[in-house]
Amino acid sequence: MRCVNRNKQTFWYALYNATATEMDDYGNQIGTYTTYGNPIKANGNISAAKGEVVTRQFGDDDLYDRIIVLEDRDTPIDEYTRLWVDLTPELNANGTLKVDSNGNAVTPHNYIVHRVGRGLPKFGSATIAISKVTVT
């Protein structure tokens, strides 16, 4: 499937890296946290809002808000990816996400991937169901 260039919108995504363990001063495990890679800029056809036609694509499920269609079915985006849609993340000069003095992102992600559907290998596209989130 081909996407018309004038219908494409810019969005950013960050891929899951690993789960790290947080230790205290005595070497005791006090928790775990998830790490993500640097935000990557991409373009795709993003639906305006959920409607009857796009609802059928992943079934009658209310767990997603919008759909992104990408020409490249081999995009690395999966269910663990964070997204910035209609929002540009603030980045440092080296491409990492800018954080405040508390270690929180200055512009946190506003969508997560709910499900990814991939088309046929040679000519297929990727369809991604995404859900809006509020990160504090």
Protein backbone atom coordinates (compact mmCIF):
# COMPACT_ATOMS: atom_id res chain seq x y z
CA MET A 1 0.00 0.00 0.00
CA ARG A 2 1.27 3.44 -0.88
CA CYS A 3 0.63 6.49 1.29
CA VAL A 4 0.09 9.85 -0.41
CA ASN A 5 2.94 12.15 0.65
CA ARG A 6 0.67 15.13 1.30
CA ASN A 7 -1.36 13.04 3.77
CA LYS A 8 1.68 12.02 5.79
CA GLN A 9 2.29 13.60 9.17
CA THR A 10 5.48 13.69 11.19
CA PHE A 11 5.63 11.77 14.45
CA TRP A 12 8.44 10.53 16.69
CA TYR A 13 8.97 7.11 18.26
CA ALA A 14 11.35 5.58 20.79
CA LEU A 15 12.05 1.85 20.83
CA TYR A 16 12.28 -0.28 23.97
CA ASN A 17 15.88 -0.98 25.01
CA ALA A 18 15.89 -3.02 28.22
CA THR A 19 14.70 -3.28 31.79
CA ALA A 20 17.28 -2.10 34.28
CA THR A 21 17.54 -2.77 38.01
CA GLU A 22 17.82 0.10 40.48
CA MET A 23 20.06 -0.54 43.49
CA ASP A 24 20.47 1.37 46.74
CA ASP A 25 23.79 2.35 48.34
CA TYR A 26 24.06 -1.08 50.01
CA GLY A 27 23.60 -3.13 46.83
CA ASN A 28 19.98 -4.07 47.50
CA GLN A 29 17.52 -4.10 44.63
CA ILE A 30 14.92 -1.39 45.19
CA GLY A 31 13.10 -1.52 41.86
CA THR A 32 13.27 -1.79 38.12
CA TYR A 33 12.76 0.69 35.32
CA THR A 34 12.47 0.53 31.56
CA THR A 35 14.94 2.21 29.23
CA TYR A 36 14.19 3.45 25.71
CA GLY A 37 16.33 4.51 22.78
CA ASN A 38 16.57 8.02 21.35
CA PRO A 39 13.44 9.39 19.66
CA ILE A 40 13.39 8.79 15.90
CA LYS A 41 11.51 10.96 13.42
CA ALA A 42 9.08 9.23 11.03
CA ASN A 43 6.24 10.05 8.65
CA GLY A 44 2.97 8.21 8.23
CA ASN A 45 -0.73 8.56 7.55
CA ILE A 46 -2.30 9.22 10.98
CA SER A 47 -6.06 9.05 11.37
CA ALA A 48 -7.79 12.09 12.81
CA ALA A 49 -9.84 10.11 15.32
CA LYS A 50 -11.33 6.67 15.75
CA GLY A 51 -14.27 6.02 13.48
CA GLU A 52 -16.43 3.17 12.28
CA VAL A 53 -14.15 2.21 9.38
CA VAL A 54 -10.91 2.05 11.38
CA THR A 55 -12.61 0.38 14.33
CA ARG A 56 -13.19 -2.76 12.27
CA GLN A 57 -9.53 -3.02 11.33
CA PHE A 58 -8.50 -4.32 14.76
CA GLY A 59 -11.96 -5.43 15.89
CA ASP A 60 -14.51 -3.64 18.04
CA ASP A 61 -12.04 -2.69 20.74
CA ASP A 62 -12.02 0.64 22.56
CA LEU A 63 -8.42 0.35 23.71
CA TYR A 64 -6.96 2.48 20.91
CA ASP A 65 -7.63 6.03 19.75
CA ARG A 66 -5.93 6.48 16.38
CA ILE A 67 -4.36 4.51 13.54
CA ILE A 68 -1.00 5.09 11.83
CA VAL A 69 -0.41 3.58 8.37
CA LEU A 70 3.22 3.26 7.24
CA GLU A 71 4.40 2.20 3.78
CA ASP A 72 7.25 0.12 5.21
CA ARG A 73 5.94 -3.07 6.78
CA ASP A 74 9.40 -3.73 8.27
CA THR A 75 9.36 -0.68 10.52
CA PRO A 76 10.81 -1.57 13.94
CA ILE A 77 7.79 -0.17 15.82
CA ASP A 78 6.22 -2.77 18.12
CA GLU A 79 3.88 -2.94 21.12
CA TYR A 80 6.58 -1.62 23.47
CA THR A 81 7.23 1.60 21.54
CA ARG A 82 6.53 5.12 22.84
CA LEU A 83 5.20 7.79 20.46
CA TRP A 84 5.05 11.56 20.19
CA VAL A 85 2.11 12.43 17.90
CA ASP A 86 1.18 16.10 17.26
CA LEU A 87 4.09 16.87 19.59
CA THR A 88 7.83 17.31 19.01
CA PRO A 89 10.06 15.96 21.78
CA GLU A 90 12.76 18.29 23.09
CA LEU A 91 16.13 16.68 22.40
CA ASN A 92 19.69 17.32 23.51
CA ALA A 93 22.43 17.93 20.94
CA ASN A 94 23.34 14.21 20.99
CA GLY A 95 19.74 13.14 20.18
CA THR A 96 18.75 12.00 23.66
CA LEU A 97 15.49 13.12 25.23
CA LYS A 98 15.90 16.29 27.29
CA VAL A 99 15.10 15.78 31.00
CA ASP A 100 14.50 18.21 33.86
CA SER A 101 16.32 18.33 37.22
CA ASN A 102 14.17 15.45 38.56
CA GLY A 103 15.06 13.15 35.65
CA ASN A 104 11.62 13.45 34.01
CA ALA A 105 11.27 14.11 30.28
CA VAL A 106 10.61 17.76 29.42
CA THR A 107 8.22 16.60 26.67
CA PRO A 108 6.99 13.13 27.66
CA HIS A 109 5.46 10.77 25.11
CA ASN A 110 1.72 11.14 24.54
CA TYR A 111 0.85 7.83 22.81
CA ILE A 112 1.70 4.16 23.17
CA VAL A 113 1.34 1.36 20.64
CA HIS A 114 -1.58 -0.94 21.29
CA ARG A 115 -1.25 -3.31 18.31
CA VAL A 116 0.73 -3.63 15.06
CA GLY A 117 -0.61 -5.26 11.89
CA ARG A 118 1.77 -6.02 9.05
CA GLY A 119 0.83 -6.61 5.40
CA LEU A 120 2.29 -9.02 2.87
CA PRO A 121 6.11 -9.20 2.77
CA LYS A 122 6.82 -7.60 -0.62
CA PHE A 123 4.18 -4.89 -1.00
CA GLY A 124 2.62 -4.71 2.43
CA SER A 125 2.26 -1.82 4.81
CA ALA A 126 2.20 -1.59 8.59
CA THR A 127 -0.92 -0.47 10.42
CA ILE A 128 -0.45 0.60 14.03
CA ALA A 129 -3.23 1.11 16.58
CA ILE A 130 -2.17 3.70 19.18
CA SER A 131 -3.63 4.89 22.50
CA LYS A 132 -3.33 8.31 24.08
CA VAL A 133 -1.67 8.44 27.51
CA THR A 134 -0.93 11.12 30.05
CA VAL A 135 2.54 10.98 31.56
CA THR A 136 3.18 13.01 34.69
